[in-house]
PDB file of N, CA and C in Angstrom:
ATOM      1  N   MET A   1     109.060  80.073 146.252  1.00  0.00           N
ATOM      2  CA  MET A   1     108.491  81.413 146.372  1.00  0.00           C
ATOM      3  C   MET A   1     109.221  82.398 145.454  1.00  0.00           C
ATOM      4  N   LEU A   2     110.551  82.369 145.486  1.00  0.00           N
ATOM      5  CA  LEU A   2     111.332  83.277 144.650  1.00  0.00           C
ATOM      6  C   LEU A   2     111.102  82.980 143.170  1.00  0.00           C
ATOM      7  N   HIS A   3     111.024  81.695 142.842  1.00  0.00           N
ATOM      8  CA  HIS A   3     110.786  81.305 141.441  1.00  0.00           C
ATOM      9  C   HIS A   3     109.429  81.826 140.982  1.00  0.00           C
ATOM     10  N   ARG A   4     108.416  81.717 141.823  1.00  0.00           N
ATOM     11  CA  ARG A   4     107.072  82.198 141.483  1.00  0.00           C
ATOM     12  C   ARG A   4     107.076  83.714 141.280  1.00  0.00           C
ATOM     13  N   THR A   5     107.784  84.423 142.138  1.00  0.00           N
ATOM     14  CA  THR A   5     107.894  85.877 142.010  1.00  0.00           C
ATOM     15  C   THR A   5     108.606  86.243 140.712  1.00  0.00           C
ATOM     16  N   HIS A   6     109.671  85.534 140.412  1.00  0.00           N
ATOM     17  CA  HIS A   6     110.429  85.769 139.185  1.00  0.00           C
ATOM     18  C   HIS A   6     109.548  85.541 137.959  1.00  0.00           C
ATOM     19  N   THR A   7     108.792  84.454 137.963  1.00  0.00           N
ATOM     20  CA  THR A   7     107.877  84.160 136.853  1.00  0.00           C
ATOM     21  C   THR A   7     106.814  85.240 136.740  1.00  0.00           C
ATOM     22  N   GLY A   8     106.288  85.679 137.869  1.00  0.00           N
ATOM     23  CA  GLY A   8     105.291  86.750 137.865  1.00  0.00           C
ATOM     24  C   GLY A   8     105.835  88.035 137.264  1.00  0.00           C
ATOM     25  N   LEU A   9     107.078  88.355 137.579  1.00  0.00           N
ATOM     26  CA  LEU A   9     107.704  89.554 137.012  1.00  0.00           C
ATOM     27  C   LEU A   9     107.853  89.437 135.500  1.00  0.00           C
ATOM     28  N   HIS A  10     108.176  88.256 135.014  1.00  0.00           N
ATOM     29  CA  HIS A  10     108.271  88.053 133.565  1.00  0.00           C
ATOM     30  C   HIS A  10     106.925  88.295 132.896  1.00  0.00           C
ATOM     31  N   HIS A  11     105.859  87.811 133.525  1.00  0.00           N
ATOM     32  CA  HIS A  11     104.522  88.031 132.965  1.00  0.00           C
ATOM     33  C   HIS A  11     104.161  89.513 132.979  1.00  0.00           C
ATOM     34  N   LEU A  12     104.491  90.191 134.061  1.00  0.00           N
ATOM     35  CA  LEU A  12     104.222  91.626 134.134  1.00  0.00           C
ATOM     36  C   LEU A  12     105.005  92.395 133.078  1.00  0.00           C
ATOM     37  N   LEU A  13     106.259  92.026 132.873  1.00  0.00           N
ATOM     38  CA  LEU A  13     107.066  92.680 131.841  1.00  0.00           C
ATOM     39  C   LEU A  13     106.461  92.469 130.460  1.00  0.00           C
ATOM     40  N   ALA A  14     106.006  91.258 130.193  1.00  0.00           N
ATOM     41  CA  ALA A  14     105.383  90.970 128.899  1.00  0.00           C
ATOM     42  C   ALA A  14     104.114  91.796 128.727  1.00  0.00           C
ATOM     43  N   ASP A  15     103.309  91.887 129.782  1.00  0.00           N
ATOM     44  CA  ASP A  15     102.079  92.682 129.716  1.00  0.00           C
ATOM     45  C   ASP A  15     102.396  94.161 129.512  1.00  0.00           C
ATOM     46  N   LEU A  16     103.391  94.665 130.235  1.00  0.00           N
ATOM     47  CA  LEU A  16     103.787  96.067 130.100  1.00  0.00           C
ATOM     48  C   LEU A  16     104.297  96.345 128.693  1.00  0.00           C
ATOM     49  N   ARG A  17     105.084  95.436 128.176  1.00  0.00           N
ATOM     50  CA  ARG A  17     105.606  95.594 126.816  1.00  0.00           C
ATOM     51  C   ARG A  17     104.463  95.647 125.805  1.00  0.00           C
ATOM     52  N   SER A  18     103.485  94.787 125.980  1.00  0.00           N
ATOM     53  CA  SER A  18     102.330  94.770 125.080  1.00  0.00           C
ATOM     54  C   SER A  18     101.548  96.075 125.164  1.00  0.00           C
ATOM     55  N   LEU A  19     101.316  96.556 126.372  1.00  0.00           N
ATOM     56  CA  LEU A  19     100.600  97.822 126.545  1.00  0.00           C
ATOM     57  C   LEU A  19     101.361  98.985 125.924  1.00  0.00           C
ATOM     58  N   LEU A  20     102.671  99.019 126.123  1.00  0.00           N
ATOM     59  CA  LEU A  20     103.475 100.098 125.546  1.00  0.00           C
ATOM     60  C   LEU A  20     103.493 100.025 124.025  1.00  0.00           C
ATOM     61  N   ARG A  21     103.510  98.817 123.480  1.00  0.00           N
ATOM     62  CA  ARG A  21     103.473  98.660 122.026  1.00  0.00           C
ATOM     63  C   ARG A  21     102.152  99.196 121.467  1.00  0.00           C
ATOM     64  N   LYS A  22     101.046  98.864 122.143  1.00  0.00           N
ATOM     65  CA  LYS A  22      99.740  99.369 121.706  1.00  0.00           C
ATOM     66  C   LYS A  22      99.684 100.892 121.812  1.00  0.00           C
ATOM     67  N   LEU A  23     100.226 101.431 122.896  1.00  0.00           N
ATOM     68  CA  LEU A  23     100.267 102.882 123.068  1.00  0.00           C
ATOM     69  C   LEU A  23     101.096 103.528 121.964  1.00  0.00           C
ATOM     70  N   ALA A  24     102.235 102.938 121.657  1.00  0.00           N
ATOM     71  CA  ALA A  24     103.085 103.478 120.600  1.00  0.00           C
ATOM     72  C   ALA A  24     102.363 103.462 119.260  1.00  0.00           C
ATOM     73  N   GLN A  25     101.630 102.393 118.983  1.00  0.00           N
ATOM     74  CA  GLN A  25     100.886 102.308 117.728  1.00  0.00           C
ATOM     75  C   GLN A  25      99.812 103.386 117.667  1.00  0.00           C
ATOM     76  N   ARG A  26      99.099 103.571 118.773  1.00  0.00           N
ATOM     77  CA  ARG A  26      98.061 104.611 118.801  1.00  0.00           C
ATOM     78  C   ARG A  26      98.658 106.002 118.643  1.00  0.00           C
ATOM     79  N   LEU A  27      99.747 106.262 119.352  1.00  0.00           N
ATOM     80  CA  LEU A  27     100.396 107.564 119.233  1.00  0.00           C
ATOM     81  C   LEU A  27     100.923 107.780 117.824  1.00  0.00           C
ATOM     82  N   ASN A  28     101.469 106.738 117.239  1.00  0.00           N
ATOM     83  CA  ASN A  28     101.984 106.844 115.881  1.00  0.00           C
ATOM     84  C   ASN A  28     100.859 107.181 114.911  1.00  0.00           C
ATOM     85  N   GLN A  29      99.700 106.559 115.083  1.00  0.00           N
ATOM     86  CA  GLN A  29      98.552 106.856 114.226  1.00  0.00           C
ATOM     87  C   GLN A  29      98.074 108.283 114.454  1.00  0.00           C
ATOM     88  N   THR A  30      98.016 108.691 115.717  1.00  0.00           N
ATOM     89  CA  THR A  30      97.539 110.026 116.066  1.00  0.00           C
ATOM     90  C   THR A  30      98.484 111.106 115.551  1.00  0.00           C
ATOM     91  N   LEU A  31      99.770 110.844 115.679  1.00  0.00           N
ATOM     92  CA  LEU A  31     100.763 111.853 115.336  1.00  0.00           C
ATOM     93  C   LEU A  31     101.224 111.784 113.887  1.00  0.00           C
ATOM     94  N   HIS A  32     100.778 110.793 113.161  1.00  0.00           N
ATOM     95  CA  HIS A  32     101.222 110.606 111.768  1.00  0.00           C
ATOM     96  C   HIS A  32     100.989 111.880 110.959  1.00  0.00           C
ATOM     97  N   GLY A  33     102.047 112.349 110.362  1.00  0.00           N
ATOM     98  CA  GLY A  33     101.946 113.540 109.532  1.00  0.00           C
ATOM     99  C   GLY A  33     101.956 114.844 110.303  1.00  0.00           C
ATOM    100  N   ALA A  34     102.237 114.811 111.596  1.00  0.00           N
ATOM    101  CA  ALA A  34     102.203 116.036 112.397  1.00  0.00           C
ATOM    102  C   ALA A  34     103.550 116.751 112.430  1.00  0.00           C
ATOM    103  N   GLY A  35     104.547 116.255 111.736  1.00  0.00           N
ATOM    104  CA  GLY A  35     105.830 116.950 111.650  1.00  0.00           C
ATOM    105  C   GLY A  35     106.945 116.259 112.387  1.00  0.00           C
ATOM    106  N   ASP A  36     108.058 116.975 112.555  1.00  0.00           N
ATOM    107  CA  ASP A  36     109.263 116.414 113.163  1.00  0.00           C
ATOM    108  C   ASP A  36     109.055 115.994 114.614  1.00  0.00           C
ATOM    109  N   ALA A  37     108.268 116.742 115.360  1.00  0.00           N
ATOM    110  CA  ALA A  37     108.036 116.396 116.767  1.00  0.00           C
ATOM    111  C   ALA A  37     107.409 115.016 116.877  1.00  0.00           C
ATOM    112  N   ALA A  38     106.489 114.709 115.972  1.00  0.00           N
ATOM    113  CA  ALA A  38     105.852 113.394 115.974  1.00  0.00           C
ATOM    114  C   ALA A  38     106.884 112.317 115.664  1.00  0.00           C
ATOM    115  N   GLY A  39     107.766 112.616 114.713  1.00  0.00           N
ATOM    116  CA  GLY A  39     108.814 111.652 114.379  1.00  0.00           C
ATOM    117  C   GLY A  39     109.730 111.388 115.554  1.00  0.00           C
ATOM    118  N   ASP A  40     110.087 112.441 116.272  1.00  0.00           N
ATOM    119  CA  ASP A  40     110.937 112.289 117.451  1.00  0.00           C
ATOM    120  C   ASP A  40     110.244 111.455 118.522  1.00  0.00           C
ATOM    121  N   ALA A  41     108.957 111.719 118.752  1.00  0.00           N
ATOM    122  CA  ALA A  41     108.203 110.958 119.754  1.00  0.00           C
ATOM    123  C   ALA A  41     108.145 109.493 119.354  1.00  0.00           C
ATOM    124  N   GLY A  42     107.907 109.235 118.077  1.00  0.00           N
ATOM    125  CA  GLY A  42     107.871 107.856 117.594  1.00  0.00           C
ATOM    126  C   GLY A  42     109.213 107.164 117.764  1.00  0.00           C
ATOM    127  N   ASP A  43     110.297 107.894 117.486  1.00  0.00           N
ATOM    128  CA  ASP A  43     111.637 107.329 117.663  1.00  0.00           C
ATOM    129  C   ASP A  43     111.892 106.975 119.123  1.00  0.00           C
ATOM    130  N   HIS A  44     111.506 107.855 120.025  1.00  0.00           N
ATOM    131  CA  HIS A  44     111.695 107.596 121.457  1.00  0.00           C
ATOM    132  C   HIS A  44     110.904 106.368 121.891  1.00  0.00           C
ATOM    133  N   LEU A  45     109.670 106.251 121.426  1.00  0.00           N
ATOM    134  CA  LEU A  45     108.855 105.094 121.792  1.00  0.00           C
ATOM    135  C   LEU A  45     109.436 103.806 121.216  1.00  0.00           C
ATOM    136  N   ARG A  46     109.891 103.847 119.978  1.00  0.00           N
ATOM    137  CA  ARG A  46     110.502 102.653 119.382  1.00  0.00           C
ATOM    138  C   ARG A  46     111.749 102.242 120.159  1.00  0.00           C
ATOM    139  N   ASN A  47     112.558 103.208 120.561  1.00  0.00           N
ATOM    140  CA  ASN A  47     113.751 102.900 121.355  1.00  0.00           C
ATOM    141  C   ASN A  47     113.375 102.284 122.694  1.00  0.00           C
ATOM    142  N   LEU A  48     112.343 102.817 123.326  1.00  0.00           N
ATOM    143  CA  LEU A  48     111.882 102.273 124.599  1.00  0.00           C
ATOM    144  C   LEU A  48     111.401 100.842 124.424  1.00  0.00           C
ATOM    145  N   LEU A  49     110.621 100.590 123.382  1.00  0.00           N
ATOM    146  CA  LEU A  49     110.120  99.239 123.140  1.00  0.00           C
ATOM    147  C   LEU A  49     111.261  98.272 122.838  1.00  0.00           C
ATOM    148  N   ARG A  50     112.253  98.715 122.076  1.00  0.00           N
ATOM    149  CA  ARG A  50     113.415  97.865 121.797  1.00  0.00           C
ATOM    150  C   ARG A  50     114.133  97.533 123.099  1.00  0.00           C
ATOM    151  N   HIS A  51     114.296  98.531 123.955  1.00  0.00           N
ATOM    152  CA  HIS A  51     114.967  98.327 125.240  1.00  0.00           C
ATOM    153  C   HIS A  51     114.188  97.335 126.097  1.00  0.00           C
ATOM    154  N   LEU A  52     112.872  97.518 126.188  1.00  0.00           N
ATOM    155  CA  LEU A  52     112.049  96.616 126.992  1.00  0.00           C
ATOM    156  C   LEU A  52     112.046  95.215 126.407  1.00  0.00           C
ATOM    157  N   GLY A  53     112.038  95.128 125.093  1.00  0.00           N
ATOM    158  CA  GLY A  53     112.081  93.818 124.456  1.00  0.00           C
ATOM    159  C   GLY A  53     113.371  93.090 124.783  1.00  0.00           C
ATOM    160  N   GLY A  54     114.475  93.815 124.778  1.00  0.00           N
ATOM    161  CA  GLY A  54     115.754  93.217 125.131  1.00  0.00           C
ATOM    162  C   GLY A  54     115.800  92.827 126.592  1.00  0.00           C
ATOM    163  N   ALA A  55     115.212  93.654 127.449  1.00  0.00           N
ATOM    164  CA  ALA A  55     115.195  93.361 128.884  1.00  0.00           C
ATOM    165  C   ALA A  55     114.332  92.146 129.159  1.00  0.00           C
ATOM    166  N   ALA A  56     113.191  92.034 128.474  1.00  0.00           N
ATOM    167  CA  ALA A  56     112.292  90.903 128.692  1.00  0.00           C
ATOM    168  C   ALA A  56     112.933  89.620 128.179  1.00  0.00           C
ATOM    169  N   GLY A  57     113.668  89.715 127.078  1.00  0.00           N
ATOM    170  CA  GLY A  57     114.295  88.532 126.513  1.00  0.00           C
ATOM    171  C   GLY A  57     115.487  88.040 127.314  1.00  0.00           C
ATOM    172  N   SER A  58     116.160  88.938 128.008  1.00  0.00           N
ATOM    173  CA  SER A  58     117.370  88.551 128.734  1.00  0.00           C
ATOM    174  C   SER A  58     117.128  88.315 130.213  1.00  0.00           C
ATOM    175  N   ALA A  59     115.967  88.739 130.720  1.00  0.00           N
ATOM    176  CA  ALA A  59     115.699  88.606 132.166  1.00  0.00           C
ATOM    177  C   ALA A  59     115.320  87.191 132.531  1.00  0.00           C
TER     178      ALA A  59
END
């Protein structure tokens, strides 16, 4: 039971990571050329995705 739950969490993390990556790509396209605020938002999203990628890889 615990193993199944653990595996399910890994799948959810992968799905969440994929959704966040798609969101980041859309936001990056939308905000492209909008100035420093857009760059900051993109940096924050990239950092979040890097963090989630590391968490998914090590969990």
